[in-house]
Amino acid sequence: MKKLTAKQEWALEQIKQLQYSENLSAAAVCKKIGISDSSYSAIKSGTYNGDVDKQMKKVIEYFVTKQAAAEIYVGTDYKETSISSNVYKIIRNCQLQGGLAIACGDAGIEQNTGLQAVLP
């Protein structure tokens, strides 16, 4: 049985907290992270025969990224327009489906006003 590092123990605790806070099963959390629930269970019990470090690296990276995103998120004064609503839908779809999209078009008055405020 391989002894887990403090960071790996932290990551396992984060899985438990995510299960509790979002009312999810271990399998659902593991799917979000990208590891199998059987690997998670075996790592927890100390019976995992594979590369523990490789599996735990995925878990640690998931929670470090999640933590960093929470720290840098800043709310904005969102003004809904038909264009901003469509752009928001595109971004949200990418978040949910796991993808990348490009939305292009003419700059609106809000963008021009915002640029004028920050440019000399």
PDB file of N, CA and C in Angstrom:
ATOM      1  N   MET A   1       0.844  -1.183   0.000  1.00  0.00           N
ATOM      2  CA  MET A   1       0.000   0.000   0.000  1.00  0.00           C
ATOM      3  C   MET A   1       0.889   1.246   0.000  1.00  0.00           C
ATOM      4  N   LYS A   2       0.673   2.109  -0.973  1.00  0.00           N
ATOM      5  CA  LYS A   2       1.454   3.340  -1.101  1.00  0.00           C
ATOM      6  C   LYS A   2       0.851   4.418  -0.217  1.00  0.00           C
ATOM      7  N   LYS A   3       1.709   5.080   0.541  1.00  0.00           N
ATOM      8  CA  LYS A   3       1.239   6.179   1.388  1.00  0.00           C
ATOM      9  C   LYS A   3       0.995   7.401   0.506  1.00  0.00           C
ATOM     10  N   LEU A   4      -0.156   8.024   0.695  1.00  0.00           N
ATOM     11  CA  LEU A   4      -0.498   9.206  -0.081  1.00  0.00           C
ATOM     12  C   LEU A   4       0.194  10.436   0.485  1.00  0.00           C
ATOM     13  N   THR A   5       0.515  11.368  -0.404  1.00  0.00           N
ATOM     14  CA  THR A   5       1.098  12.635   0.035  1.00  0.00           C
ATOM     15  C   THR A   5       0.004  13.499   0.660  1.00  0.00           C
ATOM     16  N   ALA A   6       0.424  14.559   1.309  1.00  0.00           N
ATOM     17  CA  ALA A   6      -0.547  15.482   1.919  1.00  0.00           C
ATOM     18  C   ALA A   6      -1.449  16.093   0.846  1.00  0.00           C
ATOM     19  N   LYS A   7      -0.877  16.433  -0.303  1.00  0.00           N
ATOM     20  CA  LYS A   7      -1.661  17.016  -1.401  1.00  0.00           C
ATOM     21  C   LYS A   7      -2.680  15.998  -1.921  1.00  0.00           C
ATOM     22  N   GLN A   8      -2.285  14.735  -2.003  1.00  0.00           N
ATOM     23  CA  GLN A   8      -3.204  13.691  -2.459  1.00  0.00           C
ATOM     24  C   GLN A   8      -4.331  13.467  -1.449  1.00  0.00           C
ATOM     25  N   GLU A   9      -3.990  13.509  -0.173  1.00  0.00           N
ATOM     26  CA  GLU A   9      -5.019  13.387   0.870  1.00  0.00           C
ATOM     27  C   GLU A   9      -5.998  14.564   0.774  1.00  0.00           C
ATOM     28  N   TRP A  10      -5.456  15.761   0.531  1.00  0.00           N
ATOM     29  CA  TRP A  10      -6.287  16.956   0.350  1.00  0.00           C
ATOM     30  C   TRP A  10      -7.266  16.752  -0.807  1.00  0.00           C
ATOM     31  N   ALA A  11      -6.766  16.206  -1.909  1.00  0.00           N
ATOM     32  CA  ALA A  11      -7.600  15.996  -3.097  1.00  0.00           C
ATOM     33  C   ALA A  11      -8.723  14.995  -2.807  1.00  0.00           C
ATOM     34  N   LEU A  12      -8.427  13.939  -2.064  1.00  0.00           N
ATOM     35  CA  LEU A  12      -9.475  12.971  -1.698  1.00  0.00           C
ATOM     36  C   LEU A  12     -10.535  13.636  -0.826  1.00  0.00           C
ATOM     37  N   GLU A  13     -10.098  14.518   0.059  1.00  0.00           N
ATOM     38  CA  GLU A  13     -11.050  15.240   0.903  1.00  0.00           C
ATOM     39  C   GLU A  13     -11.918  16.169   0.058  1.00  0.00           C
ATOM     40  N   GLN A  14     -11.335  16.761  -0.974  1.00  0.00           N
ATOM     41  CA  GLN A  14     -12.088  17.637  -1.866  1.00  0.00           C
ATOM     42  C   GLN A  14     -13.193  16.860  -2.592  1.00  0.00           C
ATOM     43  N   ILE A  15     -12.916  15.615  -2.940  1.00  0.00           N
ATOM     44  CA  ILE A  15     -13.940  14.778  -3.577  1.00  0.00           C
ATOM     45  C   ILE A  15     -15.122  14.612  -2.630  1.00  0.00           C
ATOM     46  N   LYS A  16     -14.829  14.300  -1.372  1.00  0.00           N
ATOM     47  CA  LYS A  16     -15.908  14.144  -0.376  1.00  0.00           C
ATOM     48  C   LYS A  16     -16.717  15.434  -0.237  1.00  0.00           C
ATOM     49  N   GLN A  17     -16.009  16.563  -0.164  1.00  0.00           N
ATOM     50  CA  GLN A  17     -16.700  17.847  -0.003  1.00  0.00           C
ATOM     51  C   GLN A  17     -17.569  18.165  -1.212  1.00  0.00           C
ATOM     52  N   LEU A  18     -17.075  17.856  -2.418  1.00  0.00           N
ATOM     53  CA  LEU A  18     -17.854  18.095  -3.627  1.00  0.00           C
ATOM     54  C   LEU A  18     -19.090  17.204  -3.655  1.00  0.00           C
ATOM     55  N   GLN A  19     -18.932  15.956  -3.237  1.00  0.00           N
ATOM     56  CA  GLN A  19     -20.082  15.054  -3.148  1.00  0.00           C
ATOM     57  C   GLN A  19     -21.151  15.657  -2.238  1.00  0.00           C
ATOM     58  N   TYR A  20     -20.714  16.141  -1.092  1.00  0.00           N
ATOM     59  CA  TYR A  20     -21.654  16.682  -0.117  1.00  0.00           C
ATOM     60  C   TYR A  20     -22.290  17.984  -0.602  1.00  0.00           C
ATOM     61  N   SER A  21     -21.450  18.913  -1.099  1.00  0.00           N
ATOM     62  CA  SER A  21     -21.959  20.236  -1.463  1.00  0.00           C
ATOM     63  C   SER A  21     -22.893  20.205  -2.669  1.00  0.00           C
ATOM     64  N   GLU A  22     -22.654  19.275  -3.592  1.00  0.00           N
ATOM     65  CA  GLU A  22     -23.502  19.202  -4.781  1.00  0.00           C
ATOM     66  C   GLU A  22     -24.440  18.002  -4.758  1.00  0.00           C
ATOM     67  N   ASN A  23     -24.454  17.291  -3.627  1.00  0.00           N
ATOM     68  CA  ASN A  23     -25.320  16.130  -3.450  1.00  0.00           C
ATOM     69  C   ASN A  23     -25.155  15.129  -4.593  1.00  0.00           C
ATOM     70  N   LEU A  24     -23.890  14.731  -4.850  1.00  0.00           N
ATOM     71  CA  LEU A  24     -23.566  13.818  -5.943  1.00  0.00           C
ATOM     72  C   LEU A  24     -23.010  12.512  -5.401  1.00  0.00           C
ATOM     73  N   SER A  25     -23.148  11.479  -6.185  1.00  0.00           N
ATOM     74  CA  SER A  25     -22.529  10.199  -5.842  1.00  0.00           C
ATOM     75  C   SER A  25     -21.035  10.281  -6.142  1.00  0.00           C
ATOM     76  N   ALA A  26     -20.282   9.351  -5.584  1.00  0.00           N
ATOM     77  CA  ALA A  26     -18.843   9.291  -5.879  1.00  0.00           C
ATOM     78  C   ALA A  26     -18.631   9.072  -7.372  1.00  0.00           C
ATOM     79  N   ALA A  27     -19.467   8.251  -7.974  1.00  0.00           N
ATOM     80  CA  ALA A  27     -19.340   7.977  -9.413  1.00  0.00           C
ATOM     81  C   ALA A  27     -19.536   9.244 -10.235  1.00  0.00           C
ATOM     82  N   ALA A  28     -20.498  10.076  -9.851  1.00  0.00           N
ATOM     83  CA  ALA A  28     -20.763  11.324 -10.581  1.00  0.00           C
ATOM     84  C   ALA A  28     -19.602  12.299 -10.441  1.00  0.00           C
ATOM     85  N   VAL A  29     -19.027  12.389  -9.253  1.00  0.00           N
ATOM     86  CA  VAL A  29     -17.885  13.277  -9.033  1.00  0.00           C
ATOM     87  C   VAL A  29     -16.679  12.772  -9.823  1.00  0.00           C
ATOM     88  N   CYS A  30     -16.451  11.474  -9.781  1.00  0.00           N
ATOM     89  CA  CYS A  30     -15.318  10.888 -10.507  1.00  0.00           C
ATOM     90  C   CYS A  30     -15.459  11.119 -12.009  1.00  0.00           C
ATOM     91  N   LYS A  31     -16.662  11.037 -12.507  1.00  0.00           N
ATOM     92  CA  LYS A  31     -16.888  11.293 -13.933  1.00  0.00           C
ATOM     93  C   LYS A  31     -16.525  12.730 -14.273  1.00  0.00           C
ATOM     94  N   LYS A  32     -16.892  13.683 -13.406  1.00  0.00           N
ATOM     95  CA  LYS A  32     -16.539  15.092 -13.616  1.00  0.00           C
ATOM     96  C   LYS A  32     -15.026  15.278 -13.669  1.00  0.00           C
ATOM     97  N   ILE A  33     -14.341  14.561 -12.795  1.00  0.00           N
ATOM     98  CA  ILE A  33     -12.889  14.707 -12.663  1.00  0.00           C
ATOM     99  C   ILE A  33     -12.143  13.989 -13.785  1.00  0.00           C
ATOM    100  N   GLY A  34     -12.685  12.858 -14.209  1.00  0.00           N
ATOM    101  CA  GLY A  34     -12.032  12.101 -15.275  1.00  0.00           C
ATOM    102  C   GLY A  34     -11.310  10.852 -14.801  1.00  0.00           C
ATOM    103  N   ILE A  35     -11.752  10.326 -13.658  1.00  0.00           N
ATOM    104  CA  ILE A  35     -11.219   9.039 -13.203  1.00  0.00           C
ATOM    105  C   ILE A  35     -12.398   8.104 -12.958  1.00  0.00           C
ATOM    106  N   SER A  36     -12.119   6.826 -12.916  1.00  0.00           N
ATOM    107  CA  SER A  36     -13.204   5.879 -12.675  1.00  0.00           C
ATOM    108  C   SER A  36     -13.491   5.805 -11.181  1.00  0.00           C
ATOM    109  N   ASP A  37     -14.744   5.520 -10.855  1.00  0.00           N
ATOM    110  CA  ASP A  37     -15.094   5.415  -9.441  1.00  0.00           C
ATOM    111  C   ASP A  37     -14.446   4.206  -8.792  1.00  0.00           C
ATOM    112  N   SER A  38     -14.175   3.169  -9.579  1.00  0.00           N
ATOM    113  CA  SER A  38     -13.497   1.991  -9.012  1.00  0.00           C
ATOM    114  C   SER A  38     -12.050   2.330  -8.649  1.00  0.00           C
ATOM    115  N   SER A  39     -11.398   3.166  -9.467  1.00  0.00           N
ATOM    116  CA  SER A  39     -10.031   3.612  -9.142  1.00  0.00           C
ATOM    117  C   SER A  39     -10.057   4.441  -7.857  1.00  0.00           C
ATOM    118  N   TYR A  40     -11.020   5.348  -7.771  1.00  0.00           N
ATOM    119  CA  TYR A  40     -11.152   6.195  -6.586  1.00  0.00           C
ATOM    120  C   TYR A  40     -11.350   5.351  -5.335  1.00  0.00           C
ATOM    121  N   SER A  41     -12.238   4.388  -5.428  1.00  0.00           N
ATOM    122  CA  SER A  41     -12.526   3.526  -4.286  1.00  0.00           C
ATOM    123  C   SER A  41     -11.287   2.730  -3.865  1.00  0.00           C
ATOM    124  N   ALA A  42     -10.564   2.213  -4.854  1.00  0.00           N
ATOM    125  CA  ALA A  42      -9.358   1.428  -4.556  1.00  0.00           C
ATOM    126  C   ALA A  42      -8.251   2.310  -3.982  1.00  0.00           C
ATOM    127  N   ILE A  43      -8.118   3.519  -4.484  1.00  0.00           N
ATOM    128  CA  ILE A  43      -7.107   4.440  -3.947  1.00  0.00           C
ATOM    129  C   ILE A  43      -7.436   4.769  -2.493  1.00  0.00           C
ATOM    130  N   LYS A  44      -8.720   5.052  -2.223  1.00  0.00           N
ATOM    131  CA  LYS A  44      -9.158   5.358  -0.857  1.00  0.00           C
ATOM    132  C   LYS A  44      -8.850   4.220   0.108  1.00  0.00           C
ATOM    133  N   SER A  45      -9.087   3.005  -0.356  1.00  0.00           N
ATOM    134  CA  SER A  45      -8.890   1.847   0.524  1.00  0.00           C
ATOM    135  C   SER A  45      -7.450   1.343   0.533  1.00  0.00           C
ATOM    136  N   GLY A  46      -6.610   1.912  -0.340  1.00  0.00           N
ATOM    137  CA  GLY A  46      -5.208   1.499  -0.380  1.00  0.00           C
ATOM    138  C   GLY A  46      -4.953   0.234  -1.158  1.00  0.00           C
ATOM    139  N   THR A  47      -5.908  -0.165  -1.997  1.00  0.00           N
ATOM    140  CA  THR A  47      -5.762  -1.412  -2.755  1.00  0.00           C
ATOM    141  C   THR A  47      -5.553  -1.195  -4.244  1.00  0.00           C
ATOM    142  N   TYR A  48      -5.343   0.047  -4.661  1.00  0.00           N
ATOM    143  CA  TYR A  48      -5.193   0.345  -6.086  1.00  0.00           C
ATOM    144  C   TYR A  48      -3.859  -0.195  -6.582  1.00  0.00           C
ATOM    145  N   ASN A  49      -3.893  -1.000  -7.655  1.00  0.00           N
ATOM    146  CA  ASN A  49      -2.687  -1.625  -8.190  1.00  0.00           C
ATOM    147  C   ASN A  49      -2.045  -0.823  -9.312  1.00  0.00           C
ATOM    148  N   GLY A  50      -2.733   0.188  -9.804  1.00  0.00           N
ATOM    149  CA  GLY A  50      -2.208   0.999 -10.896  1.00  0.00           C
ATOM    150  C   GLY A  50      -1.301   2.112 -10.396  1.00  0.00           C
ATOM    151  N   ASP A  51      -1.103   3.093 -11.241  1.00  0.00           N
ATOM    152  CA  ASP A  51      -0.254   4.245 -10.932  1.00  0.00           C
ATOM    153  C   ASP A  51      -1.074   5.271 -10.148  1.00  0.00           C
ATOM    154  N   VAL A  52      -0.943   5.208  -8.836  1.00  0.00           N
ATOM    155  CA  VAL A  52      -1.703   6.102  -7.953  1.00  0.00           C
ATOM    156  C   VAL A  52      -1.376   7.555  -8.267  1.00  0.00           C
ATOM    157  N   ASP A  53      -0.093   7.844  -8.469  1.00  0.00           N
ATOM    158  CA  ASP A  53       0.304   9.235  -8.727  1.00  0.00           C
ATOM    159  C   ASP A  53      -0.359   9.795  -9.974  1.00  0.00           C
ATOM    160  N   LYS A  54      -0.479   8.971 -11.004  1.00  0.00           N
ATOM    161  CA  LYS A  54      -1.109   9.421 -12.254  1.00  0.00           C
ATOM    162  C   LYS A  54      -2.581   9.740 -12.032  1.00  0.00           C
ATOM    163  N   GLN A  55      -3.281   8.896 -11.309  1.00  0.00           N
ATOM    164  CA  GLN A  55      -4.698   9.124 -11.036  1.00  0.00           C
ATOM    165  C   GLN A  55      -4.889  10.337 -10.130  1.00  0.00           C
ATOM    166  N   MET A  56      -4.058  10.432  -9.123  1.00  0.00           N
ATOM    167  CA  MET A  56      -4.193  11.545  -8.181  1.00  0.00           C
ATOM    168  C   MET A  56      -3.795  12.872  -8.815  1.00  0.00           C
ATOM    169  N   LYS A  57      -2.914  12.841  -9.800  1.00  0.00           N
ATOM    170  CA  LYS A  57      -2.541  14.062 -10.511  1.00  0.00           C
ATOM    171  C   LYS A  57      -3.776  14.665 -11.178  1.00  0.00           C
ATOM    172  N   LYS A  58      -4.629  13.810 -11.774  1.00  0.00           N
ATOM    173  CA  LYS A  58      -5.860  14.289 -12.404  1.00  0.00           C
ATOM    174  C   LYS A  58      -6.778  14.941 -11.372  1.00  0.00           C
ATOM    175  N   VAL A  59      -6.897  14.298 -10.220  1.00  0.00           N
ATOM    176  CA  VAL A  59      -7.782  14.807  -9.172  1.00  0.00           C
ATOM    177  C   VAL A  59      -7.258  16.147  -8.645  1.00  0.00           C
ATOM    178  N   ILE A  60      -5.963  16.207  -8.377  1.00  0.00           N
ATOM    179  CA  ILE A  60      -5.359  17.437  -7.861  1.00  0.00           C
ATOM    180  C   ILE A  60      -5.518  18.570  -8.868  1.00  0.00           C
ATOM    181  N   GLU A  61      -5.221  18.300 -10.137  1.00  0.00           N
ATOM    182  CA  GLU A  61      -5.342  19.333 -11.168  1.00  0.00           C
ATOM    183  C   GLU A  61      -6.771  19.851 -11.279  1.00  0.00           C
ATOM    184  N   TYR A  62      -7.740  18.948 -11.174  1.00  0.00           N
ATOM    185  CA  TYR A  62      -9.150  19.354 -11.240  1.00  0.00           C
ATOM    186  C   TYR A  62      -9.464  20.356 -10.131  1.00  0.00           C
ATOM    187  N   PHE A  63      -9.093  20.015  -8.901  1.00  0.00           N
ATOM    188  CA  PHE A  63      -9.461  20.875  -7.778  1.00  0.00           C
ATOM    189  C   PHE A  63      -8.607  22.141  -7.693  1.00  0.00           C
ATOM    190  N   VAL A  64      -7.360  22.084  -8.101  1.00  0.00           N
ATOM    191  CA  VAL A  64      -6.531  23.288  -8.138  1.00  0.00           C
ATOM    192  C   VAL A  64      -7.106  24.270  -9.160  1.00  0.00           C
ATOM    193  N   THR A  65      -7.505  23.757 -10.322  1.00  0.00           N
ATOM    194  CA  THR A  65      -8.112  24.600 -11.354  1.00  0.00           C
ATOM    195  C   THR A  65      -9.432  25.186 -10.868  1.00  0.00           C
ATOM    196  N   LYS A  66     -10.243  24.360 -10.232  1.00  0.00           N
ATOM    197  CA  LYS A  66     -11.528  24.822  -9.697  1.00  0.00           C
ATOM    198  C   LYS A  66     -11.321  25.906  -8.646  1.00  0.00           C
ATOM    199  N   GLN A  67     -10.328  25.721  -7.799  1.00  0.00           N
ATOM    200  CA  GLN A  67     -10.021  26.690  -6.753  1.00  0.00           C
ATOM    201  C   GLN A  67      -9.511  28.001  -7.366  1.00  0.00           C
ATOM    202  N   ALA A  68      -8.642  27.908  -8.360  1.00  0.00           N
ATOM    203  CA  ALA A  68      -8.096  29.105  -9.012  1.00  0.00           C
ATOM    204  C   ALA A  68      -9.210  29.885  -9.703  1.00  0.00           C
ATOM    205  N   ALA A  69     -10.111  29.165 -10.355  1.00  0.00           N
ATOM    206  CA  ALA A  69     -11.222  29.830 -11.035  1.00  0.00           C
ATOM    207  C   ALA A  69     -12.097  30.580 -10.037  1.00  0.00           C
ATOM    208  N   ALA A  70     -12.337  29.979  -8.883  1.00  0.00           N
ATOM    209  CA  ALA A  70     -13.162  30.630  -7.863  1.00  0.00           C
ATOM    210  C   ALA A  70     -12.481  31.881  -7.313  1.00  0.00           C
ATOM    211  N   GLU A  71     -11.153  31.846  -7.224  1.00  0.00           N
ATOM    212  CA  GLU A  71     -10.417  32.984  -6.681  1.00  0.00           C
ATOM    213  C   GLU A  71     -10.370  34.165  -7.641  1.00  0.00           C
ATOM    214  N   ILE A  72     -10.351  33.907  -8.943  1.00  0.00           N
ATOM    215  CA  ILE A  72     -10.209  35.002  -9.890  1.00  0.00           C
ATOM    216  C   ILE A  72     -11.533  35.499 -10.454  1.00  0.00           C
ATOM    217  N   TYR A  73     -12.607  34.785 -10.186  1.00  0.00           N
ATOM    218  CA  TYR A  73     -13.906  35.195 -10.735  1.00  0.00           C
ATOM    219  C   TYR A  73     -14.309  36.541 -10.154  1.00  0.00           C
ATOM    220  N   VAL A  74     -14.661  37.423 -11.025  1.00  0.00           N
ATOM    221  CA  VAL A  74     -15.156  38.738 -10.619  1.00  0.00           C
ATOM    222  C   VAL A  74     -16.474  38.959 -11.350  1.00  0.00           C
ATOM    223  N   GLY A  75     -17.492  39.236 -10.607  1.00  0.00           N
ATOM    224  CA  GLY A  75     -18.779  39.515 -11.226  1.00  0.00           C
ATOM    225  C   GLY A  75     -18.728  40.821 -12.011  1.00  0.00           C
ATOM    226  N   THR A  76     -19.567  40.945 -12.992  1.00  0.00           N
ATOM    227  CA  THR A  76     -19.596  42.164 -13.794  1.00  0.00           C
ATOM    228  C   THR A  76     -21.017  42.718 -13.825  1.00  0.00           C
ATOM    229  N   ASP A  77     -21.105  43.958 -14.233  1.00  0.00           N
ATOM    230  CA  ASP A  77     -22.419  44.557 -14.443  1.00  0.00           C
ATOM    231  C   ASP A  77     -22.876  44.119 -15.828  1.00  0.00           C
ATOM    232  N   TYR A  78     -23.679  43.085 -15.867  1.00  0.00           N
ATOM    233  CA  TYR A  78     -24.127  42.499 -17.120  1.00  0.00           C
ATOM    234  C   TYR A  78     -25.351  43.243 -17.618  1.00  0.00           C
ATOM    235  N   LYS A  79     -25.272  43.750 -18.839  1.00  0.00           N
ATOM    236  CA  LYS A  79     -26.401  44.422 -19.483  1.00  0.00           C
ATOM    237  C   LYS A  79     -26.896  43.510 -20.597  1.00  0.00           C
ATOM    238  N   GLU A  80     -28.064  42.951 -20.416  1.00  0.00           N
ATOM    239  CA  GLU A  80     -28.571  41.994 -21.406  1.00  0.00           C
ATOM    240  C   GLU A  80     -29.088  42.711 -22.651  1.00  0.00           C
ATOM    241  N   THR A  81     -28.574  42.280 -23.779  1.00  0.00           N
ATOM    242  CA  THR A  81     -29.060  42.699 -25.093  1.00  0.00           C
ATOM    243  C   THR A  81     -29.253  41.422 -25.892  1.00  0.00           C
ATOM    244  N   SER A  82     -29.828  41.515 -27.064  1.00  0.00           N
ATOM    245  CA  SER A  82     -30.004  40.302 -27.864  1.00  0.00           C
ATOM    246  C   SER A  82     -28.657  39.691 -28.229  1.00  0.00           C
ATOM    247  N   ILE A  83     -27.668  40.533 -28.516  1.00  0.00           N
ATOM    248  CA  ILE A  83     -26.344  40.012 -28.874  1.00  0.00           C
ATOM    249  C   ILE A  83     -25.664  39.410 -27.651  1.00  0.00           C
ATOM    250  N   SER A  84     -25.686  40.127 -26.532  1.00  0.00           N
ATOM    251  CA  SER A  84     -25.018  39.590 -25.339  1.00  0.00           C
ATOM    252  C   SER A  84     -25.694  38.297 -24.883  1.00  0.00           C
ATOM    253  N   SER A  85     -26.988  38.220 -25.043  1.00  0.00           N
ATOM    254  CA  SER A  85     -27.708  37.003 -24.682  1.00  0.00           C
ATOM    255  C   SER A  85     -27.275  35.830 -25.553  1.00  0.00           C
ATOM    256  N   ASN A  86     -27.111  36.073 -26.864  1.00  0.00           N
ATOM    257  CA  ASN A  86     -26.652  35.008 -27.763  1.00  0.00           C
ATOM    258  C   ASN A  86     -25.221  34.592 -27.449  1.00  0.00           C
ATOM    259  N   VAL A  87     -24.361  35.568 -27.172  1.00  0.00           N
ATOM    260  CA  VAL A  87     -22.973  35.251 -26.821  1.00  0.00           C
ATOM    261  C   VAL A  87     -22.947  34.449 -25.523  1.00  0.00           C
ATOM    262  N   TYR A  88     -23.737  34.847 -24.545  1.00  0.00           N
ATOM    263  CA  TYR A  88     -23.812  34.113 -23.288  1.00  0.00           C
ATOM    264  C   TYR A  88     -24.232  32.666 -23.538  1.00  0.00           C
ATOM    265  N   LYS A  89     -25.213  32.444 -24.405  1.00  0.00           N
ATOM    266  CA  LYS A  89     -25.678  31.084 -24.714  1.00  0.00           C
ATOM    267  C   LYS A  89     -24.566  30.262 -25.361  1.00  0.00           C
ATOM    268  N   ILE A  90     -23.783  30.892 -26.233  1.00  0.00           N
ATOM    269  CA  ILE A  90     -22.665  30.186 -26.876  1.00  0.00           C
ATOM    270  C   ILE A  90     -21.634  29.775 -25.829  1.00  0.00           C
ATOM    271  N   ILE A  91     -21.287  30.703 -24.946  1.00  0.00           N
ATOM    272  CA  ILE A  91     -20.308  30.404 -23.897  1.00  0.00           C
ATOM    273  C   ILE A  91     -20.823  29.311 -22.975  1.00  0.00           C
ATOM    274  N   ARG A  92     -22.063  29.406 -22.574  1.00  0.00           N
ATOM    275  CA  ARG A  92     -22.647  28.408 -21.665  1.00  0.00           C
ATOM    276  C   ARG A  92     -22.682  27.034 -22.322  1.00  0.00           C
ATOM    277  N   ASN A  93     -22.999  26.986 -23.602  1.00  0.00           N
ATOM    278  CA  ASN A  93     -23.009  25.718 -24.316  1.00  0.00           C
ATOM    279  C   ASN A  93     -21.613  25.090 -24.322  1.00  0.00           C
ATOM    280  N   CYS A  94     -20.587  25.923 -24.520  1.00  0.00           N
ATOM    281  CA  CYS A  94     -19.211  25.421 -24.493  1.00  0.00           C
ATOM    282  C   CYS A  94     -18.858  24.879 -23.115  1.00  0.00           C
ATOM    283  N   GLN A  95     -19.309  25.565 -22.061  1.00  0.00           N
ATOM    284  CA  GLN A  95     -19.047  25.088 -20.713  1.00  0.00           C
ATOM    285  C   GLN A  95     -19.697  23.728 -20.484  1.00  0.00           C
ATOM    286  N   LEU A  96     -20.926  23.583 -20.926  1.00  0.00           N
ATOM    287  CA  LEU A  96     -21.671  22.350 -20.676  1.00  0.00           C
ATOM    288  C   LEU A  96     -21.222  21.202 -21.571  1.00  0.00           C
ATOM    289  N   GLN A  97     -20.908  21.515 -22.816  1.00  0.00           N
ATOM    290  CA  GLN A  97     -20.549  20.470 -23.771  1.00  0.00           C
ATOM    291  C   GLN A  97     -19.042  20.211 -23.809  1.00  0.00           C
ATOM    292  N   GLY A  98     -18.268  21.120 -23.239  1.00  0.00           N
ATOM    293  CA  GLY A  98     -16.823  20.965 -23.257  1.00  0.00           C
ATOM    294  C   GLY A  98     -16.270  21.266 -24.636  1.00  0.00           C
ATOM    295  N   GLY A  99     -16.287  22.501 -25.034  1.00  0.00           N
ATOM    296  CA  GLY A  99     -15.819  22.836 -26.360  1.00  0.00           C
ATOM    297  C   GLY A  99     -15.317  24.252 -26.455  1.00  0.00           C
ATOM    298  N   LEU A 100     -15.110  24.669 -27.672  1.00  0.00           N
ATOM    299  CA  LEU A 100     -14.600  25.990 -27.973  1.00  0.00           C
ATOM    300  C   LEU A 100     -15.436  26.570 -29.091  1.00  0.00           C
ATOM    301  N   ALA A 101     -15.736  27.834 -29.019  1.00  0.00           N
ATOM    302  CA  ALA A 101     -16.516  28.489 -30.069  1.00  0.00           C
ATOM    303  C   ALA A 101     -15.962  29.882 -30.302  1.00  0.00           C
ATOM    304  N   ILE A 102     -16.208  30.376 -31.475  1.00  0.00           N
ATOM    305  CA  ILE A 102     -15.824  31.742 -31.803  1.00  0.00           C
ATOM    306  C   ILE A 102     -17.088  32.483 -32.194  1.00  0.00           C
ATOM    307  N   ALA A 103     -17.324  33.592 -31.525  1.00  0.00           N
ATOM    308  CA  ALA A 103     -18.462  34.443 -31.856  1.00  0.00           C
ATOM    309  C   ALA A 103     -17.884  35.745 -32.386  1.00  0.00           C
ATOM    310  N   CYS A 104     -18.298  36.135 -33.562  1.00  0.00           N
ATOM    311  CA  CYS A 104     -17.746  37.362 -34.132  1.00  0.00           C
ATOM    312  C   CYS A 104     -18.869  38.226 -34.688  1.00  0.00           C
ATOM    313  N   GLY A 105     -18.546  39.463 -34.870  1.00  0.00           N
ATOM    314  CA  GLY A 105     -19.512  40.407 -35.395  1.00  0.00           C
ATOM    315  C   GLY A 105     -19.037  41.811 -35.130  1.00  0.00           C
ATOM    316  N   ASP A 106     -19.866  42.763 -35.509  1.00  0.00           N
ATOM    317  CA  ASP A 106     -19.522  44.163 -35.301  1.00  0.00           C
ATOM    318  C   ASP A 106     -19.560  44.501 -33.814  1.00  0.00           C
ATOM    319  N   ALA A 107     -18.680  45.390 -33.438  1.00  0.00           N
ATOM    320  CA  ALA A 107     -18.672  45.853 -32.058  1.00  0.00           C
ATOM    321  C   ALA A 107     -19.903  46.720 -31.821  1.00  0.00           C
ATOM    322  N   GLY A 108     -20.495  46.558 -30.682  1.00  0.00           N
ATOM    323  CA  GLY A 108     -21.661  47.358 -30.338  1.00  0.00           C
ATOM    324  C   GLY A 108     -21.251  48.612 -29.593  1.00  0.00           C
ATOM    325  N   ILE A 109     -22.206  49.438 -29.307  1.00  0.00           N
ATOM    326  CA  ILE A 109     -21.945  50.700 -28.620  1.00  0.00           C
ATOM    327  C   ILE A 109     -21.326  50.460 -27.249  1.00  0.00           C
ATOM    328  N   GLU A 110     -21.744  49.387 -26.563  1.00  0.00           N
ATOM    329  CA  GLU A 110     -21.200  49.111 -25.236  1.00  0.00           C
ATOM    330  C   GLU A 110     -19.706  48.834 -25.307  1.00  0.00           C
ATOM    331  N   GLN A 111     -19.265  48.076 -26.324  1.00  0.00           N
ATOM    332  CA  GLN A 111     -17.857  47.784 -26.468  1.00  0.00           C
ATOM    333  C   GLN A 111     -17.074  49.045 -26.802  1.00  0.00           C
ATOM    334  N   ASN A 112     -17.603  49.861 -27.710  1.00  0.00           N
ATOM    335  CA  ASN A 112     -16.914  51.098 -28.081  1.00  0.00           C
ATOM    336  C   ASN A 112     -16.800  52.048 -26.889  1.00  0.00           C
ATOM    337  N   THR A 113     -17.854  52.162 -26.130  1.00  0.00           N
ATOM    338  CA  THR A 113     -17.830  53.035 -24.961  1.00  0.00           C
ATOM    339  C   THR A 113     -16.822  52.528 -23.944  1.00  0.00           C
ATOM    340  N   GLY A 114     -16.795  51.217 -23.759  1.00  0.00           N
ATOM    341  CA  GLY A 114     -15.837  50.617 -22.827  1.00  0.00           C
ATOM    342  C   GLY A 114     -14.414  50.835 -23.268  1.00  0.00           C
ATOM    343  N   LEU A 115     -14.141  50.728 -24.558  1.00  0.00           N
ATOM    344  CA  LEU A 115     -12.788  50.977 -25.058  1.00  0.00           C
ATOM    345  C   LEU A 115     -12.396  52.432 -24.893  1.00  0.00           C
ATOM    346  N   GLN A 116     -13.310  53.350 -25.158  1.00  0.00           N
ATOM    347  CA  GLN A 116     -13.011  54.773 -25.022  1.00  0.00           C
ATOM    348  C   GLN A 116     -12.674  55.122 -23.579  1.00  0.00           C
ATOM    349  N   ALA A 117     -13.271  54.393 -22.659  1.00  0.00           N
ATOM    350  CA  ALA A 117     -13.037  54.677 -21.248  1.00  0.00           C
ATOM    351  C   ALA A 117     -11.637  54.249 -20.804  1.00  0.00           C
ATOM    352  N   VAL A 118     -11.047  53.245 -21.459  1.00  0.00           N
ATOM    353  CA  VAL A 118      -9.738  52.752 -21.027  1.00  0.00           C
ATOM    354  C   VAL A 118      -8.598  53.189 -21.926  1.00  0.00           C
ATOM    355  N   LEU A 119      -8.896  53.671 -23.137  1.00  0.00           N
ATOM    356  CA  LEU A 119      -7.833  54.123 -24.045  1.00  0.00           C
ATOM    357  C   LEU A 119      -7.574  55.616 -23.858  1.00  0.00           C
ATOM    358  N   PRO A 120      -6.293  56.032 -24.002  1.00  0.00           N
ATOM    359  CA  PRO A 120      -5.994  57.473 -23.853  1.00  0.00           C
ATOM    360  C   PRO A 120      -6.526  58.287 -24.990  1.00  0.00           C
TER     361      PRO A 120
END
